[in-house]
């Protein structure tokens, strides 16, 4: 998504369409403006985290289909593959984290405590919302970002309070419905109020501009851009040499240059170990709580805690890392190292079976998992440039299912089934239950060891990028901003140019 200056969200004044009433004209401005698109993105992401609460309905799938733990974990493995970017990434990705907690509130309000019905809700609701906003979300040529961030804090705080109250007080179905209605009001009406306020400001500015006499535009600074490289006629040897001689950090890497660089290998290892370990905890939370003797209704609590703190990790770590980077030149890779260290504490709480420790583990794992993703993809955009960011983003996402398969399916699933077979006298396959700390102890000790390995590996990236993060990583975007903003006012700049670089989705 690309933002720029100008009226109506596109850099041009809104046209006067005949005798259309002012209210209808303003309503059109709101619905077609960039800030309503921001609201649409937030709503879509709020409904896209159904896989984050796999632990709630995994038990129903396991009993209904007669799966053992390894088969169940294999199923979970196949579930999804310019400036201030830490804040923006954290905000938008944060709503994916909140989505699981939102789903939990909605499904108990609509269906009651029926995990099988939750599968149905996840099947139709995200598709319906995406269809509703299919013509709203688009690339457009900054504004109330912090207002949306504060609203997301309010939604997360409300969800956290509701989780505590629902844990301590017995709620009726009508009470669940009432809390869900309040949640929807917070999620929809508050952001809509921000959108309308911003569009009113844009409308007033446009009206003022129409009353002023036309003036010659002031001279603009010249932004020197290097000439385009000549058409490539190199042979295989020259292309290989170019691939293994990448540009400086922050410049636009090609996809092969980024994929084969030491920096990407380090990030890939960190994602495999960090995301793989977190997904193992998240997807198995239902079986973990059951094996440790927690009440069945606690699974909803754990899933909601994970998702709320996943949001906190994405939004909080994104904002904090941006603040520390801009003020103190604190490198984002070092923040990644710290997040990996924190996540290992959550795994140890699970492995050791600390009494009531699963509540703390849910908070730690959710927070570190959310922060991990924001940092990984912020680092990718900063180190390798924005030209092929979409491709590199998806390349990085491949590490997540690889890690989940290794630690969730091959380690946790296999060791759980082996312990369940030992406890049940070596019976046949099926949905055998395992009880006690030993069900997941070995698995999460292995996950903890792998995470510490990722901590050591991440320090390689800290060392390699130390010079890059000591400077101003946004310098070239700031230099180009005045000219690009002026071009945007004249309607002569494309959305891609307004971002400071062209974005490509392929090599």
Protein backbone atom coordinates (compact mmCIF):
# COMPACT_ATOMS: atom_id res chain seq x y z
CA UNK A 1 0.00 0.00 0.00
CA UNK A 2 1.35 3.41 -0.99
CA UNK A 3 0.41 6.77 0.50
CA UNK A 4 1.14 10.28 -0.72
CA UNK A 5 0.08 13.84 -0.25
CA UNK A 6 -2.90 15.46 -1.90
CA UNK A 7 -6.65 15.78 -1.78
CA UNK A 8 -9.04 12.88 -1.91
CA UNK A 9 -6.31 10.27 -1.57
CA UNK A 10 -5.06 10.44 -5.16
CA UNK A 11 -3.15 13.71 -5.26
CA UNK A 12 -5.86 15.60 -7.28
CA UNK A 13 -8.82 17.76 -6.17
CA UNK A 14 -12.16 16.01 -6.30
CA UNK A 15 -14.19 16.97 -9.39
CA UNK A 16 -17.53 18.72 -9.14
CA UNK A 17 -19.98 16.21 -10.59
CA UNK A 18 -22.90 18.21 -11.92
CA UNK A 19 -25.48 18.99 -9.25
CA UNK A 20 -24.68 16.02 -7.01
CA UNK A 21 -25.67 16.89 -3.41
CA UNK A 22 -22.78 17.84 -1.16
CA UNK A 23 -23.48 14.94 1.23
CA UNK A 24 -23.43 12.41 -1.61
CA UNK A 25 -20.25 13.93 -3.02
CA UNK A 26 -18.57 13.72 0.37
CA UNK A 27 -19.79 10.13 0.88
CA UNK A 28 -18.17 9.20 -2.44
CA UNK A 29 -14.98 10.94 -1.36
CA UNK A 30 -14.93 8.93 1.88
CA UNK A 31 -15.59 5.55 0.24
CA UNK A 32 -13.07 6.06 -2.57
CA UNK A 33 -10.43 7.75 -0.40
CA UNK A 34 -7.18 6.27 0.81
CA UNK A 35 -8.15 6.26 4.49
CA UNK A 36 -11.28 4.19 3.93
CA UNK A 37 -8.98 1.80 2.09
CA UNK A 38 -6.84 1.72 5.26
CA UNK A 39 -9.96 0.83 7.26
CA UNK A 40 -10.83 -1.91 4.75
CA UNK A 41 -7.33 -3.38 5.09
CA UNK A 42 -7.68 -3.42 8.87
CA UNK A 43 -11.05 -5.20 8.69
CA UNK A 44 -9.77 -7.77 6.18
CA UNK A 45 -6.75 -8.53 8.34
CA UNK A 46 -8.96 -8.71 11.42
CA UNK A 47 -10.73 -11.63 9.76
CA UNK A 48 -7.67 -13.40 8.35
CA UNK A 49 -6.19 -15.05 11.44
CA UNK A 50 -8.37 -18.15 11.71
CA UNK A 51 -5.32 -20.40 11.52
CA UNK A 52 -3.89 -18.68 14.60
CA UNK A 53 -6.57 -20.34 16.75
CA UNK A 54 -6.03 -23.84 15.39
CA UNK A 55 -5.60 -25.03 18.98
CA UNK A 56 -9.27 -24.28 19.75
CA UNK A 57 -10.73 -26.55 17.09
CA UNK A 58 -7.84 -29.02 16.76
CA UNK A 59 -9.32 -31.25 19.47
CA UNK A 60 -12.64 -31.42 17.62
CA UNK A 61 -10.84 -32.33 14.39
CA UNK A 62 -8.73 -34.94 16.17
CA UNK A 63 -11.68 -36.71 17.77
CA UNK A 64 -13.99 -36.42 14.73
CA UNK A 65 -11.44 -37.73 12.23
CA UNK A 66 -9.60 -40.15 14.53
CA UNK A 67 -6.18 -38.59 13.96
CA UNK A 68 -3.07 -39.17 16.01
CA UNK A 69 -1.01 -36.14 17.03
CA UNK A 70 1.47 -36.37 14.16
CA UNK A 71 -1.33 -36.45 11.58
CA UNK A 72 -3.05 -33.52 13.31
CA UNK A 73 0.19 -31.52 13.25
CA UNK A 74 0.64 -32.36 9.58
CA UNK A 75 -2.79 -30.83 8.98
CA UNK A 76 -1.78 -27.68 10.86
CA UNK A 77 1.38 -27.49 8.73
CA UNK A 78 -0.72 -27.16 5.56
CA UNK A 79 -2.85 -24.19 6.94
CA UNK A 80 -1.06 -20.37 5.07
CA UNK A 81 2.20 -19.99 3.17
CA UNK A 82 9.51 4.32 2.59
CA UNK A 83 9.82 5.24 5.92
CA UNK A 84 8.49 4.28 9.37
CA UNK A 85 7.95 0.84 7.89
CA UNK A 86 8.38 -0.79 11.29
CA UNK A 87 5.30 1.07 12.56
CA UNK A 88 3.20 0.47 9.43
CA UNK A 89 4.13 -3.21 9.15
CA UNK A 90 3.52 -3.66 12.85
CA UNK A 91 0.09 -2.01 12.70
CA UNK A 92 -1.25 -3.91 9.70
CA UNK A 93 0.28 -7.26 10.65
CA UNK A 94 -0.86 -6.63 14.22
CA UNK A 95 -4.50 -6.86 13.18
CA UNK A 96 -3.81 -10.37 11.90
CA UNK A 97 -2.67 -11.17 15.42
CA UNK A 98 -5.81 -9.63 16.93
CA UNK A 99 -7.91 -11.59 14.45
CA UNK A 100 -7.69 -14.81 16.47
CA UNK A 101 -8.98 -13.12 19.63
CA UNK A 102 -11.72 -11.41 17.60
CA UNK A 103 -12.77 -14.75 16.11
CA UNK A 104 -12.93 -16.27 19.59
CA UNK A 105 -15.27 -13.53 20.83
CA UNK A 106 -17.49 -13.74 17.75
CA UNK A 107 -17.85 -17.50 17.66
CA UNK A 108 -18.95 -17.84 21.30
CA UNK A 109 -21.41 -14.98 20.72
CA UNK A 110 -22.87 -16.60 17.57
CA UNK A 111 -22.54 -20.33 18.15
CA UNK A 112 -21.75 -20.74 21.83
CA UNK A 113 -18.90 -22.99 22.97
CA UNK A 114 -18.97 -25.25 19.89
CA UNK A 115 -15.55 -25.74 18.33
CA UNK A 116 -16.95 -27.45 15.22
CA UNK A 117 -19.02 -24.37 14.41
CA UNK A 118 -15.85 -22.28 14.62
CA UNK A 119 -14.54 -24.14 11.56
CA UNK A 120 -17.67 -23.02 9.68
CA UNK A 121 -17.19 -19.40 10.79
CA UNK A 122 -13.58 -19.41 9.59
CA UNK A 123 -14.74 -20.86 6.26
CA UNK A 124 -17.25 -18.13 5.34
CA UNK A 125 -16.43 -14.90 7.20
CA UNK A 126 -12.98 -14.03 5.71
CA UNK A 127 -14.23 -14.77 2.19
CA UNK A 128 -17.32 -12.60 2.70
CA UNK A 129 -15.28 -9.65 4.00
CA UNK A 130 -12.77 -9.92 1.15
CA UNK A 131 -15.60 -9.90 -1.41
CA UNK A 132 -17.17 -6.88 0.31
CA UNK A 133 -13.96 -4.82 0.01
CA UNK A 134 -12.67 -6.25 -3.27
CA UNK A 135 -12.97 -2.87 -5.07
CA UNK A 136 -11.81 -0.80 -2.09
CA UNK A 137 -8.25 -2.06 -1.56
CA UNK A 138 -5.86 -0.84 -4.25
CA UNK A 139 -2.51 0.92 -4.65
CA UNK A 140 -2.88 4.69 -4.10
CA UNK A 141 -0.55 7.70 -4.07
CA UNK A 142 0.90 10.53 5.22
CA UNK A 143 -1.74 11.28 8.02
CA UNK A 144 -3.63 9.55 10.82
CA UNK A 145 -1.52 6.39 11.05
CA UNK A 146 -1.09 6.92 14.79
CA UNK A 147 -4.87 7.33 15.23
CA UNK A 148 -5.35 3.85 13.79
CA UNK A 149 -2.53 2.59 16.00
CA UNK A 150 -4.22 3.99 19.13
CA UNK A 151 -7.53 2.42 18.10
CA UNK A 152 -5.80 -0.92 17.73
CA UNK A 153 -4.44 -0.49 21.27
CA UNK A 154 -8.01 0.13 22.48
CA UNK A 155 -9.31 -2.99 20.71
CA UNK A 156 -6.49 -5.11 22.15
CA UNK A 157 -7.07 -3.72 25.66
CA UNK A 158 -10.80 -4.42 25.44
CA UNK A 159 -10.16 -7.99 24.32
CA UNK A 160 -7.69 -8.53 27.15
CA UNK A 161 -10.21 -7.25 29.73
CA UNK A 162 -12.91 -9.49 28.28
CA UNK A 163 -10.63 -12.53 28.46
CA UNK A 164 -9.94 -11.88 32.15
CA UNK A 165 -13.62 -11.30 32.94
CA UNK A 166 -14.76 -14.36 30.99
CA UNK A 167 -12.19 -16.41 32.87
CA UNK A 168 -13.36 -15.24 36.30
CA UNK A 169 -17.11 -14.65 35.75
CA UNK A 170 -19.66 -16.98 34.20
CA UNK A 171 -21.01 -15.25 31.07
CA UNK A 172 -24.43 -16.01 29.60
CA UNK A 173 -24.91 -16.26 25.85
CA UNK A 174 -26.57 -12.82 25.87
CA UNK A 175 -23.53 -11.39 27.67
CA UNK A 176 -21.21 -12.86 25.05
CA UNK A 177 -23.39 -11.31 22.32
CA UNK A 178 -23.27 -7.90 24.04
CA UNK A 179 -19.47 -7.95 24.37
CA UNK A 180 -19.18 -8.96 20.70
CA UNK A 181 -21.36 -5.99 19.66
CA UNK A 182 -19.14 -3.60 21.65
CA UNK A 183 -16.10 -5.18 19.98
CA UNK A 184 -17.53 -4.60 16.51
CA UNK A 185 -18.32 -0.98 17.39
CA UNK A 186 -14.72 -0.43 18.48
CA UNK A 187 -13.38 -2.22 15.43
CA UNK A 188 -15.56 -0.46 12.84
CA UNK A 189 -16.99 2.83 14.11
CA UNK A 190 -13.88 4.34 15.69
CA UNK A 191 -11.72 3.84 12.57
CA UNK A 192 -14.60 5.10 10.42
CA UNK A 193 -14.73 8.27 12.53
CA UNK A 194 -11.01 8.79 11.87
CA UNK A 195 -11.59 8.29 8.14
CA UNK A 196 -14.45 10.82 8.04
CA UNK A 197 -12.46 13.37 10.07
CA UNK A 198 -9.49 13.07 7.71
CA UNK A 199 -11.63 13.33 4.58
CA UNK A 200 -13.37 16.43 5.99
CA UNK A 201 -9.96 18.03 6.46
CA UNK A 202 -9.00 17.12 2.88
CA UNK A 203 -12.31 18.54 1.60
CA UNK A 204 -11.78 21.83 3.44
CA UNK A 205 -8.23 22.15 2.09
CA UNK A 206 -9.45 21.52 -1.45
CA UNK A 207 -12.16 24.17 -1.09
CA UNK A 208 -9.60 26.71 0.15
CA UNK A 209 -7.28 25.94 -2.77
CA UNK A 210 -10.11 26.57 -5.25
CA UNK A 211 -10.61 30.10 -3.90
CA UNK A 212 -6.94 31.08 -4.18
CA UNK A 213 -5.50 32.58 -7.40
CA UNK A 214 -3.33 30.29 -9.42
CA UNK A 215 0.37 30.80 -8.83
CA UNK A 216 3.42 29.56 -10.62
CA UNK A 217 4.92 26.55 -8.88
CA UNK A 218 8.17 27.25 -7.03
CA UNK A 219 11.37 25.80 -8.45
CA UNK A 220 11.89 22.26 -7.35
CA UNK A 221 15.15 20.63 -6.33
CA UNK A 222 16.61 18.34 -8.91
CA UNK A 223 16.84 14.73 -7.83
CA UNK A 224 19.65 13.07 -9.67
CA UNK A 225 18.96 9.51 -10.66
CA UNK A 226 21.51 7.21 -12.23
CA UNK A 227 20.89 6.31 -15.86
CA UNK A 228 19.25 2.93 -16.44
CA UNK A 229 21.69 0.09 -16.99
CA UNK A 230 22.15 -1.03 -20.56
CA UNK A 231 20.30 -4.08 -21.79
CA UNK A 232 21.95 -7.17 -20.45
CA UNK A 233 23.91 -9.18 -22.96
CA UNK A 234 26.09 -10.95 -20.42
CA UNK A 235 26.79 -14.61 -20.52
CA UNK A 236 26.30 -17.14 -17.75
CA UNK A 237 29.64 -16.30 -16.17
CA UNK A 238 28.95 -12.55 -16.02
CA UNK A 239 25.46 -13.11 -14.59
CA UNK A 240 26.84 -15.41 -11.92
CA UNK A 241 29.51 -12.84 -11.07
CA UNK A 242 26.81 -10.17 -10.71
CA UNK A 243 24.72 -12.48 -8.51
CA UNK A 244 27.58 -13.07 -6.10
CA UNK A 245 28.62 -9.39 -6.07
CA UNK A 246 25.54 -7.74 -4.57
CA UNK A 247 25.20 -3.97 -4.04
CA UNK A 248 25.61 -2.22 -0.69
CA UNK A 249 23.04 -2.77 2.05
CA UNK A 250 19.94 -0.68 1.42
CA UNK A 251 20.28 -0.69 -2.37
CA UNK A 252 17.94 -2.74 -4.53
CA UNK A 253 19.11 -6.34 -4.71
CA UNK A 254 17.92 -8.66 -7.44
CA UNK A 255 16.08 -11.77 -6.25
CA UNK A 256 19.07 -14.10 -6.89
CA UNK A 257 21.45 -11.65 -5.16
CA UNK A 258 19.22 -11.52 -2.08
CA UNK A 259 18.35 -15.22 -2.01
CA UNK A 260 22.00 -16.31 -2.18
CA UNK A 261 23.37 -13.72 0.21
CA UNK A 262 24.69 -14.56 3.68
CA UNK A 263 22.21 -12.08 5.16
CA UNK A 264 19.19 -13.90 3.71
CA UNK A 265 20.54 -17.26 4.85
CA UNK A 266 20.83 -15.87 8.39
CA UNK A 267 17.28 -14.49 8.27
CA UNK A 268 16.04 -17.79 6.87
CA UNK A 269 17.60 -19.76 9.72
CA UNK A 270 16.17 -17.34 12.29
CA UNK A 271 12.71 -17.65 10.73
CA UNK A 272 12.86 -21.46 10.60
CA UNK A 273 13.86 -21.76 14.25
CA UNK A 274 11.91 -18.80 15.63
CA UNK A 275 8.66 -19.10 13.69
CA UNK A 276 8.81 -22.91 13.64
CA UNK A 277 9.11 -23.10 17.42
CA UNK A 278 6.33 -20.56 18.01
CA UNK A 279 3.95 -22.29 15.59
CA UNK A 280 4.63 -25.57 17.38
CA UNK A 281 3.52 -24.01 20.66
CA UNK A 282 0.53 -22.22 19.13
CA UNK A 283 -0.84 -25.17 17.17
CA UNK A 284 -0.40 -27.64 20.03
CA UNK A 285 -1.75 -25.40 22.79
CA UNK A 286 -4.93 -27.46 23.05
CA UNK A 287 -3.05 -30.73 23.58
CA UNK A 288 -0.44 -29.05 25.81
CA UNK A 289 -3.10 -27.70 28.16
CA UNK A 290 -4.91 -31.04 28.18
CA UNK A 291 -1.74 -32.99 28.99
CA UNK A 292 -0.90 -30.59 31.85
CA UNK A 293 -4.38 -30.89 33.36
CA UNK A 294 -5.83 -27.46 32.58
CA UNK A 295 -9.65 -27.15 32.25
CA UNK A 296 -11.02 -27.58 28.74
CA UNK A 297 -12.35 -24.01 28.64
CA UNK A 298 -8.80 -22.71 29.21
CA UNK A 299 -7.93 -23.45 25.57
CA UNK A 300 -10.01 -20.44 24.46
CA UNK A 301 -8.18 -18.29 26.99
CA UNK A 302 -4.76 -19.44 25.83
CA UNK A 303 -5.65 -18.91 22.16
CA UNK A 304 -6.96 -15.40 22.86
CA UNK A 305 -3.92 -14.49 24.96
CA UNK A 306 -1.60 -15.68 22.22
CA UNK A 307 -3.38 -13.61 19.58
CA UNK A 308 -3.65 -10.44 21.65
CA UNK A 309 0.01 -10.59 22.58
CA UNK A 310 0.87 -11.48 19.00
CA UNK A 311 -0.71 -8.15 18.11
CA UNK A 312 1.24 -6.48 20.92
CA UNK A 313 4.45 -7.98 19.57
CA UNK A 314 3.79 -6.85 16.01
CA UNK A 315 2.65 -3.33 16.82
CA UNK A 316 4.81 -2.80 19.92
CA UNK A 317 8.07 -4.24 18.64
CA UNK A 318 7.56 -2.54 15.29
CA UNK A 319 7.05 0.86 16.93
CA UNK A 320 9.78 0.37 19.55
CA UNK A 321 12.35 -0.78 17.02
CA UNK A 322 11.50 2.23 14.83
CA UNK A 323 11.92 4.60 17.79
CA UNK A 324 15.23 3.08 18.89
CA UNK A 325 16.50 3.02 15.32
CA UNK A 326 15.64 6.66 14.58
CA UNK A 327 16.87 8.09 17.90
CA UNK A 328 19.76 5.87 18.92
CA UNK A 329 20.65 3.96 15.72
CA UNK A 330 19.82 0.74 17.57
CA UNK A 331 20.05 -1.92 14.83
CA UNK A 332 16.89 -3.84 14.05
CA UNK A 333 18.77 -7.17 13.75
CA UNK A 334 19.84 -6.81 17.39
CA UNK A 335 16.19 -6.37 18.35
CA UNK A 336 15.56 -9.61 16.47
CA UNK A 337 18.18 -11.31 18.65
CA UNK A 338 16.46 -10.09 21.81
CA UNK A 339 13.06 -11.31 20.63
CA UNK A 340 14.48 -14.79 20.00
CA UNK A 341 15.92 -14.84 23.53
CA UNK A 342 12.53 -13.88 24.98
CA UNK A 343 10.75 -16.62 23.02
CA UNK A 344 13.00 -19.29 24.50
CA UNK A 345 11.67 -18.40 27.97
CA UNK A 346 8.16 -19.32 26.83
CA UNK A 347 9.32 -22.66 25.47
CA UNK A 348 11.06 -23.49 28.75
CA UNK A 349 7.84 -22.76 30.68
CA UNK A 350 6.09 -25.38 28.55
CA UNK A 351 8.93 -27.90 28.69
CA UNK A 352 9.23 -27.73 32.47
CA UNK A 353 5.49 -27.77 33.12
CA UNK A 354 5.65 -24.88 35.61
CA UNK A 355 2.35 -24.72 37.59
CA UNK A 356 0.04 -22.18 35.92
CA UNK A 357 2.96 -21.34 33.68
CA UNK A 358 0.98 -21.88 30.49
CA UNK A 359 -0.69 -18.48 30.90
CA UNK A 360 2.69 -16.77 30.97
CA UNK A 361 3.93 -18.99 28.14
CA UNK A 362 0.96 -17.92 25.98
CA UNK A 363 1.86 -14.27 26.54
CA UNK A 364 5.58 -14.76 25.86
CA UNK A 365 5.13 -16.95 22.79
CA UNK A 366 2.45 -14.69 21.27
CA UNK A 367 4.47 -11.51 21.85
CA UNK A 368 7.74 -12.92 20.50
CA UNK A 369 6.06 -14.54 17.48
CA UNK A 370 4.38 -11.26 16.53
CA UNK A 371 7.55 -9.25 17.00
CA UNK A 372 9.58 -11.78 15.03
CA UNK A 373 7.52 -11.35 11.86
CA UNK A 374 7.52 -7.55 11.98
CA UNK A 375 11.29 -7.47 12.45
CA UNK A 376 12.05 -10.06 9.79
CA UNK A 377 10.16 -8.27 7.05
CA UNK A 378 11.28 -4.80 8.11
CA UNK A 379 14.90 -6.02 7.90
CA UNK A 380 14.27 -7.57 4.48
CA UNK A 381 12.91 -4.26 3.15
CA UNK A 382 15.80 -2.27 4.63
CA UNK A 383 18.74 -4.50 3.76
CA UNK A 384 17.65 -5.68 0.30
CA UNK A 385 15.68 -2.65 -0.90
CA UNK A 386 12.07 -2.29 -2.04
CA UNK A 387 12.30 -3.08 -5.74
CA UNK A 388 11.61 -6.81 -5.36
CA UNK A 389 10.18 -6.65 -1.84
CA UNK A 390 7.00 -8.61 -2.67
CA UNK A 391 9.01 -11.55 -3.99
CA UNK A 392 11.52 -11.45 -1.14
CA UNK A 393 8.68 -11.19 1.40
CA UNK A 394 7.15 -14.40 0.07
CA UNK A 395 10.58 -16.03 -0.08
CA UNK A 396 10.96 -15.30 3.62
CA UNK A 397 7.49 -16.69 4.32
CA UNK A 398 8.63 -20.08 3.02
CA UNK A 399 10.78 -20.45 6.14
CA UNK A 400 7.72 -20.48 8.41
CA UNK A 401 6.11 -23.70 7.08
CA UNK A 402 9.54 -25.35 6.87
CA UNK A 403 10.11 -24.65 10.54
CA UNK A 404 6.57 -25.75 11.42
CA UNK A 405 7.07 -29.05 9.58
CA UNK A 406 10.38 -29.76 11.27
CA UNK A 407 9.41 -28.90 14.84
CA UNK A 408 5.66 -29.42 14.81
CA UNK A 409 5.25 -32.54 12.68
CA UNK A 410 8.57 -34.36 12.83
CA UNK A 411 9.47 -33.48 16.45
CA UNK A 412 6.42 -32.62 18.57
CA UNK A 413 3.91 -34.84 16.80
CA UNK A 414 6.19 -37.87 16.69
CA UNK A 415 7.36 -37.55 20.32
CA UNK A 416 3.80 -36.97 21.59
CA UNK A 417 2.55 -40.11 19.84
CA UNK A 418 5.50 -42.12 21.16
CA UNK A 419 4.76 -41.02 24.74
CA UNK A 420 1.01 -41.62 24.28
CA UNK A 421 1.75 -45.14 23.00
CA UNK A 422 4.01 -45.80 26.01
CA UNK A 423 1.32 -44.64 28.43
CA UNK A 424 -1.39 -46.67 26.69
CA UNK A 425 0.56 -49.90 26.42
CA UNK A 426 1.64 -49.46 22.81
CA UNK A 427 -1.86 -49.55 21.33
CA UNK A 428 -2.63 -48.80 17.68
CA UNK A 429 -2.93 -45.41 16.03
CA UNK A 430 -5.81 -43.07 16.69
CA UNK A 431 -6.59 -40.12 18.90
CA UNK A 432 -4.77 -41.43 21.97
CA UNK A 433 -4.38 -38.88 24.70
CA UNK A 434 -1.13 -38.28 26.51
CA UNK A 435 -0.99 -36.98 30.08
CA UNK A 436 1.82 -35.33 32.02
CA UNK A 437 4.80 -33.08 31.50
CA UNK A 438 6.66 -35.70 29.49
CA UNK A 439 4.23 -35.37 26.55
CA UNK A 440 5.92 -32.20 25.29
CA UNK A 441 9.05 -31.86 27.45
CA UNK A 442 11.55 -33.28 24.98
CA UNK A 443 9.93 -31.45 22.07
CA UNK A 444 10.23 -28.02 23.63
CA UNK A 445 13.71 -28.62 24.96
CA UNK A 446 14.67 -29.28 21.33
CA UNK A 447 12.82 -26.13 20.23
CA UNK A 448 14.62 -24.11 22.92
CA UNK A 449 18.01 -25.41 21.79
CA UNK A 450 17.19 -24.55 18.17
CA UNK A 451 16.14 -21.04 19.22
CA UNK A 452 19.43 -20.46 21.04
CA UNK A 453 21.20 -21.58 17.87
CA UNK A 454 19.17 -18.94 15.98
CA UNK A 455 20.25 -16.34 18.57
CA UNK A 456 23.90 -17.05 17.82
CA UNK A 457 23.29 -17.01 14.06
CA UNK A 458 21.41 -13.69 14.27
CA UNK A 459 24.50 -12.05 15.75
CA UNK A 460 26.20 -12.66 12.39
CA UNK A 461 23.64 -10.35 10.78
CA UNK A 462 24.10 -7.79 13.55
CA UNK A 463 27.82 -7.72 12.80
CA UNK A 464 27.45 -7.62 9.02
CA UNK A 465 24.95 -4.72 9.05
CA UNK A 466 26.48 -2.65 11.86
CA UNK A 467 27.76 0.06 9.49
CA UNK A 468 24.49 0.25 7.57
CA UNK A 469 22.37 0.80 10.68
CA UNK A 470 24.76 3.42 12.07
CA UNK A 471 23.75 5.71 9.21
CA UNK A 472 20.37 7.12 8.21
CA UNK A 473 18.72 4.23 6.39
CA UNK A 474 15.93 6.51 5.12
CA UNK A 475 18.26 9.21 3.73
CA UNK A 476 17.53 8.66 0.04
CA UNK A 477 13.77 8.62 0.64
CA UNK A 478 13.97 11.92 2.54
CA UNK A 479 16.05 13.50 -0.25
CA UNK A 480 13.48 12.56 -2.87
CA UNK A 481 10.42 13.45 -0.79
CA UNK A 482 10.07 17.22 -1.65
CA UNK A 483 10.20 16.72 -5.40
CA UNK A 484 7.91 13.71 -5.30
CA UNK A 485 5.38 15.52 -3.12
CA UNK A 486 5.31 18.48 -5.54
CA UNK A 487 4.86 16.16 -8.49
CA UNK A 488 2.03 14.44 -6.61
CA UNK A 489 0.21 17.80 -6.23
CA UNK A 490 0.38 18.29 -9.99
CA UNK A 491 -0.89 14.77 -10.61
CA UNK A 492 2.22 13.78 -12.55
CA UNK A 493 3.58 11.05 -10.33
CA UNK A 494 2.67 7.40 -10.29
CA UNK A 495 1.89 5.55 -7.06
CA UNK A 496 5.09 3.58 -7.40
CA UNK A 497 7.19 6.74 -7.81
CA UNK A 498 5.51 8.31 -4.77
CA UNK A 499 6.99 5.56 -2.62
CA UNK A 500 10.50 6.53 -3.67
CA UNK A 501 11.02 3.45 -5.79
CA UNK A 502 9.17 1.20 -8.13
CA UNK A 503 7.85 -2.01 -6.68
CA UNK A 504 7.99 -5.19 -8.70
CA UNK A 505 6.48 -8.55 -7.94
CA UNK A 506 8.76 -10.62 -10.11
CA UNK A 507 12.31 -10.89 -11.23
